[in-house]
Amino acid sequence: MDLSILIVNYKTRDLTLACIESVITSNTSYKYEIILIDNASNDGTIQTVTEKFPQVICQANSENVGFSKANNQGILLSQGRYVLLLNSDTIVQSDTFETMLRFMDENPAVGVSGCKIVLPDGSLDKACKRGFPTPSASFYYAFGFSKLFPKTPRFNQYQLGYLSADEAYPIDSLVGAFMLIRREAIDQVGMLDEAFFMYGEDIDWCYRIKQAGWINYYYPRTHIVHYKGASSRRKPFKIIYEFHRAMILFHNKHYRQKYSWVTNMLVYAGVSVKFLLSLAKNKLRPAR
């Protein structure tokens, strides 16, 4: 088995069906398996997938265990030389797997890679190529400096806006919407950290993989489409909470011991302010 494609579903039945359809209709010479983990969606996804795509391996959870744990369940079931984290709200292109697996086979030093990811309007999903969220990188990103100076490396350490989205290069971090990981890298660094419920687990994994000596690579010779949720709608409190909790988790795990207590306090204060501002902004959005 060459590739194990992991898809986590949580109340996204129609998107999940479209995602699986795009996988099955793609063209590749590599042998793959699709593993669907449903986080207690109760929307008929498992039944529909089983009927329409009987080749898909399905696991149904009795509760929403989060993105990290669900993917880890999939990894334990997987048999591929490579494991792909693929969001349920994505559409792959006909050449996506052929292009990305050939790249990985030809570059054995690469532990994890990702392709270009675009939004439905054709714009770049900026999360597909990122730097690690150091205190300075996080500050410049969270408080808008990266938007004011998009081509200045100092202010764009996180989203790397000064680097072309159409060129290939090593980077710090990819995004969990499409992350192609070599099995040997997983065996070396371990699976996803389940302390991260639904954000931050991809950056944490990339950090550990890079620290172990592997190369993380952005390879935009193919792309996928990412149908993110509409930003104009009000988000559940848990979404906002987990996003900001992940920032603290990552900092405590990888950076707290490297910085002074003053810097750490500034980080905690900055995340708290950002959290409160996000809650206030969310209140102004329409509920539906």
Protein backbone atom coordinates (compact mmCIF):
# COMPACT_ATOMS: atom_id res chain seq x y z
CA MET A 1 0.00 0.00 0.00
CA ASP A 2 1.45 3.35 -1.04
CA LEU A 3 -0.93 5.89 0.46
CA SER A 4 -3.43 6.01 3.31
CA ILE A 5 -5.84 8.94 2.99
CA LEU A 6 -7.39 9.97 6.30
CA ILE A 7 -10.58 12.03 6.29
CA VAL A 8 -12.24 13.17 9.53
CA ASN A 9 -15.91 14.03 9.28
CA TYR A 10 -17.88 16.13 11.72
CA LYS A 11 -21.29 17.12 10.37
CA THR A 12 -20.00 17.78 6.86
CA ARG A 13 -21.71 14.92 5.01
CA ASP A 14 -22.14 16.58 1.60
CA LEU A 15 -18.63 18.02 1.64
CA THR A 16 -17.21 14.66 2.71
CA LEU A 17 -19.00 12.86 -0.12
CA ALA A 18 -17.66 15.37 -2.63
CA CYS A 19 -14.16 15.01 -1.19
CA ILE A 20 -14.22 11.21 -1.48
CA GLU A 21 -15.62 11.48 -5.01
CA SER A 22 -12.71 13.72 -6.02
CA VAL A 23 -10.24 11.22 -4.58
CA ILE A 24 -11.76 8.25 -6.37
CA THR A 25 -12.00 10.03 -9.72
CA SER A 26 -8.40 11.28 -9.58
CA ASN A 27 -5.72 9.64 -11.71
CA THR A 28 -2.77 7.92 -10.06
CA SER A 29 -0.65 4.83 -10.52
CA TYR A 30 -0.16 4.56 -6.75
CA LYS A 31 -2.20 2.16 -4.64
CA TYR A 32 -4.20 3.91 -1.93
CA GLU A 33 -6.81 3.36 0.74
CA ILE A 34 -9.37 5.83 2.12
CA ILE A 35 -10.08 5.81 5.84
CA LEU A 36 -13.04 7.86 7.10
CA ILE A 37 -13.36 8.64 10.81
CA ASP A 38 -16.69 10.13 11.85
CA ASN A 39 -16.82 12.12 15.09
CA ALA A 40 -20.40 11.34 16.10
CA SER A 41 -21.92 13.52 13.39
CA ASN A 42 -25.29 11.75 13.50
CA ASP A 43 -25.95 13.01 9.98
CA GLY A 44 -26.00 9.72 8.10
CA THR A 45 -22.49 10.12 6.71
CA ILE A 46 -21.24 6.63 7.55
CA GLN A 47 -24.35 4.93 6.12
CA THR A 48 -24.23 7.00 2.93
CA VAL A 49 -20.50 6.49 2.42
CA THR A 50 -20.81 2.75 3.03
CA GLU A 51 -23.55 2.49 0.42
CA LYS A 52 -21.96 4.77 -2.18
CA PHE A 53 -18.27 3.99 -1.63
CA PRO A 54 -18.01 0.46 -0.16
CA GLN A 55 -14.21 0.50 -0.61
CA VAL A 56 -13.85 3.21 2.06
CA ILE A 57 -12.78 1.99 5.51
CA CYS A 58 -15.10 3.62 8.07
CA GLN A 59 -14.84 4.13 11.80
CA ALA A 60 -17.65 5.76 13.75
CA ASN A 61 -16.93 7.40 17.11
CA SER A 62 -19.62 7.69 19.77
CA GLU A 63 -18.48 11.24 20.60
CA ASN A 64 -16.51 14.05 19.02
CA VAL A 65 -12.96 13.15 20.03
CA GLY A 66 -11.36 15.99 18.08
CA PHE A 67 -9.23 16.20 14.96
CA SER A 68 -5.99 14.88 16.44
CA LYS A 69 -7.38 11.79 18.12
CA ALA A 70 -9.59 10.91 15.14
CA ASN A 71 -6.61 11.09 12.78
CA ASN A 72 -4.56 9.00 15.18
CA GLN A 73 -7.29 6.38 15.04
CA GLY A 74 -6.94 6.45 11.28
CA ILE A 75 -3.16 6.14 11.46
CA LEU A 76 -3.52 2.99 13.58
CA LEU A 77 -5.76 1.51 10.87
CA SER A 78 -3.56 2.63 7.98
CA GLN A 79 -1.13 0.53 5.96
CA GLY A 80 0.39 3.02 3.51
CA ARG A 81 4.02 4.04 3.09
CA TYR A 82 2.63 7.57 3.28
CA VAL A 83 -0.21 8.98 5.37
CA LEU A 84 -2.25 11.93 4.10
CA LEU A 85 -4.32 14.17 6.36
CA LEU A 86 -7.08 15.47 4.08
CA ASN A 87 -9.83 17.79 5.25
CA SER A 88 -13.38 16.75 4.47
CA ASP A 89 -14.04 20.17 2.92
CA THR A 90 -11.44 19.82 0.17
CA ILE A 91 -11.43 18.75 -3.47
CA VAL A 92 -8.28 17.20 -4.91
CA GLN A 93 -7.27 17.52 -8.56
CA SER A 94 -6.79 14.63 -10.95
CA ASP A 95 -2.98 14.83 -10.66
CA THR A 96 -2.66 15.63 -6.95
CA PHE A 97 -1.65 12.22 -5.64
CA GLU A 98 0.54 11.28 -8.59
CA THR A 99 2.43 14.57 -8.34
CA MET A 100 2.89 14.60 -4.59
CA LEU A 101 3.83 10.94 -4.13
CA ARG A 102 6.32 11.07 -6.97
CA PHE A 103 7.90 14.09 -5.30
CA MET A 104 8.14 12.26 -1.98
CA ASP A 105 9.61 9.15 -3.60
CA GLU A 106 12.26 11.25 -5.34
CA ASN A 107 13.15 13.17 -2.16
CA PRO A 108 13.69 10.72 0.72
CA ALA A 109 14.92 13.44 3.09
CA VAL A 110 11.47 15.08 3.05
CA GLY A 111 9.38 13.98 6.02
CA VAL A 112 6.21 15.90 5.24
CA SER A 113 5.02 17.89 2.24
CA GLY A 114 2.02 19.89 1.16
CA CYS A 115 0.68 21.21 -2.11
CA LYS A 116 -0.76 24.60 -2.97
CA ILE A 117 -4.21 25.15 -1.45
CA VAL A 118 -6.66 27.61 -2.94
CA LEU A 119 -10.02 28.86 -1.76
CA PRO A 120 -13.15 28.62 -3.94
CA ASP A 121 -12.56 32.16 -5.28
CA GLY A 122 -9.10 31.15 -6.48
CA SER A 123 -7.15 33.02 -3.81
CA LEU A 124 -4.44 31.32 -1.77
CA ASP A 125 -5.23 29.64 1.53
CA LYS A 126 -2.30 31.26 3.31
CA ALA A 127 -2.13 28.52 5.93
CA CYS A 128 -0.66 26.09 3.39
CA LYS A 129 2.86 27.49 3.89
CA ARG A 130 3.84 28.88 7.25
CA GLY A 131 6.68 29.62 9.61
CA PHE A 132 6.57 28.48 13.21
CA PRO A 133 4.63 30.80 15.58
CA THR A 134 7.53 32.18 17.58
CA PRO A 135 6.60 35.03 19.95
CA SER A 136 7.70 37.66 17.43
CA ALA A 137 6.05 35.94 14.46
CA SER A 138 2.80 35.55 16.40
CA PHE A 139 2.83 39.18 17.52
CA TYR A 140 3.33 40.57 14.01
CA TYR A 141 0.60 38.27 12.67
CA ALA A 142 -1.97 38.70 15.43
CA PHE A 143 -1.80 42.49 15.49
CA GLY A 144 -1.84 43.14 11.76
CA PHE A 145 1.76 44.03 10.94
CA SER A 146 1.91 41.22 8.36
CA LYS A 147 -1.02 42.79 6.50
CA LEU A 148 0.49 46.25 6.61
CA PHE A 149 3.86 45.04 5.34
CA PRO A 150 3.08 41.86 3.32
CA LYS A 151 6.45 41.72 1.53
CA THR A 152 8.67 42.39 4.53
CA PRO A 153 10.23 39.16 5.89
CA ARG A 154 10.50 40.46 9.45
CA PHE A 155 6.75 41.08 9.69
CA ASN A 156 5.75 37.94 7.75
CA GLN A 157 7.57 35.21 9.63
CA TYR A 158 4.33 33.27 10.08
CA GLN A 159 2.42 33.37 6.76
CA LEU A 160 5.56 33.92 4.64
CA GLY A 161 3.79 36.38 2.37
CA TYR A 162 7.09 37.52 0.90
CA LEU A 163 7.63 34.07 -0.67
CA SER A 164 5.91 33.19 -3.96
CA ALA A 165 3.04 30.73 -3.65
CA ASP A 166 4.03 29.27 -7.02
CA GLU A 167 7.58 28.27 -6.11
CA ALA A 168 8.68 25.16 -4.23
CA TYR A 169 10.88 25.40 -1.11
CA PRO A 170 11.47 24.00 2.37
CA ILE A 171 9.34 25.65 5.05
CA ASP A 172 8.56 25.21 8.72
CA SER A 173 4.92 24.19 8.69
CA LEU A 174 2.12 22.98 6.44
CA VAL A 175 -1.59 22.74 7.21
CA GLY A 176 -3.68 19.77 8.31
CA ALA A 177 -6.06 20.27 5.40
CA PHE A 178 -3.43 18.51 3.25
CA MET A 179 -0.36 17.03 4.90
CA LEU A 180 1.50 14.13 3.28
CA ILE A 181 3.68 12.40 5.87
CA ARG A 182 6.28 9.69 5.37
CA ARG A 183 5.64 6.61 7.52
CA GLU A 184 9.23 6.61 8.79
CA ALA A 185 8.76 10.15 10.10
CA ILE A 186 5.66 9.09 12.03
CA ASP A 187 7.49 6.07 13.45
CA GLN A 188 10.28 8.38 14.63
CA VAL A 189 8.37 11.31 16.16
CA GLY A 190 5.06 9.67 17.06
CA MET A 191 1.50 10.51 16.11
CA LEU A 192 -0.46 13.74 16.56
CA ASP A 193 -0.54 15.25 20.04
CA GLU A 194 -4.10 14.73 21.27
CA ALA A 195 -3.80 17.66 23.69
CA PHE A 196 -4.62 19.75 20.61
CA PHE A 197 -8.33 19.26 19.98
CA MET A 198 -8.82 20.89 16.59
CA TYR A 199 -6.12 23.54 16.02
CA GLY A 200 -2.34 23.58 16.33
CA GLU A 201 -1.79 19.85 15.97
CA ASP A 202 -0.46 20.28 12.43
CA ILE A 203 2.11 22.91 13.45
CA ASP A 204 3.15 20.84 16.44
CA TRP A 205 3.63 17.76 14.22
CA CYS A 206 5.66 19.74 11.68
CA TYR A 207 7.80 21.16 14.50
CA ARG A 208 8.58 17.70 15.85
CA ILE A 209 9.26 16.31 12.38
CA LYS A 210 11.66 19.14 11.56
CA GLN A 211 13.37 18.86 14.94
CA ALA A 212 13.96 15.17 14.19
CA GLY A 213 16.00 16.13 11.13
CA TRP A 214 13.45 15.78 8.35
CA ILE A 215 12.73 18.46 5.74
CA ASN A 216 9.24 19.99 5.56
CA TYR A 217 8.44 21.02 2.00
CA TYR A 218 5.92 23.19 0.17
CA TYR A 219 5.42 21.81 -3.36
CA PRO A 220 2.89 23.79 -5.45
CA ARG A 221 3.12 21.72 -8.65
CA THR A 222 -0.47 20.69 -7.98
CA HIS A 223 -3.26 22.08 -5.82
CA ILE A 224 -6.47 21.34 -3.99
CA VAL A 225 -9.52 23.51 -3.32
CA HIS A 226 -10.41 24.19 0.32
CA TYR A 227 -14.02 25.10 1.11
CA LYS A 228 -13.60 26.82 4.45
CA GLY A 229 -16.58 27.89 6.51
CA ALA A 230 -18.00 31.31 5.73
CA SER A 231 -16.23 33.89 7.88
CA SER A 232 -19.33 36.09 8.00
CA ARG A 233 -21.19 33.58 10.17
CA ARG A 234 -21.02 33.50 13.94
CA LYS A 235 -18.68 30.78 15.21
CA PRO A 236 -19.41 28.54 18.21
CA PHE A 237 -17.55 29.55 21.36
CA LYS A 238 -15.60 26.26 21.35
CA ILE A 239 -14.09 27.05 17.94
CA ILE A 240 -12.70 30.38 19.16
CA TYR A 241 -11.63 28.92 22.49
CA GLU A 242 -9.76 25.95 20.98
CA PHE A 243 -8.01 28.20 18.44
CA HIS A 244 -6.52 30.36 21.17
CA ARG A 245 -5.93 27.47 23.58
CA ALA A 246 -3.80 25.84 20.87
CA MET A 247 -1.57 28.93 20.80
CA ILE A 248 -0.86 28.57 24.51
CA LEU A 249 -0.35 24.81 24.25
CA PHE A 250 2.18 25.18 21.46
CA HIS A 251 4.06 27.97 23.21
CA ASN A 252 4.23 26.08 26.50
CA LYS A 253 5.38 22.90 24.78
CA HIS A 254 8.08 24.33 22.53
CA TYR A 255 8.99 27.88 23.54
CA ARG A 256 8.32 28.58 27.21
CA GLN A 257 11.68 27.20 28.35
CA LYS A 258 13.54 29.14 25.64
CA TYR A 259 12.28 32.61 26.59
CA SER A 260 12.32 34.81 29.68
CA TRP A 261 9.36 35.05 32.00
CA VAL A 262 8.73 38.56 30.68
CA THR A 263 8.37 37.30 27.11
CA ASN A 264 6.16 34.45 28.29
CA MET A 265 3.89 36.83 30.18
CA LEU A 266 3.63 39.04 27.09
CA VAL A 267 2.67 36.02 25.00
CA TYR A 268 -0.07 35.00 27.45
CA ALA A 269 -1.35 38.57 27.61
CA GLY A 270 -1.32 38.89 23.83
CA VAL A 271 -3.27 35.66 23.35
CA SER A 272 -5.78 36.75 26.01
CA VAL A 273 -6.35 40.10 24.31
CA LYS A 274 -6.69 38.41 20.93
CA PHE A 275 -9.18 35.94 22.42
CA LEU A 276 -11.35 38.69 23.89
CA LEU A 277 -11.25 40.69 20.65
CA SER A 278 -12.26 37.60 18.68
CA LEU A 279 -15.20 36.99 21.01
CA ALA A 280 -16.34 40.60 20.66
CA LYS A 281 -16.01 40.51 16.87
CA ASN A 282 -17.88 37.21 16.73
CA LYS A 283 -20.80 38.70 18.67
CA LEU A 284 -21.35 41.21 15.87
CA ARG A 285 -21.74 38.49 13.24
CA PRO A 286 -25.12 37.08 12.22
CA ALA A 287 -25.97 33.81 13.97
CA ARG A 288 -26.82 32.12 10.64
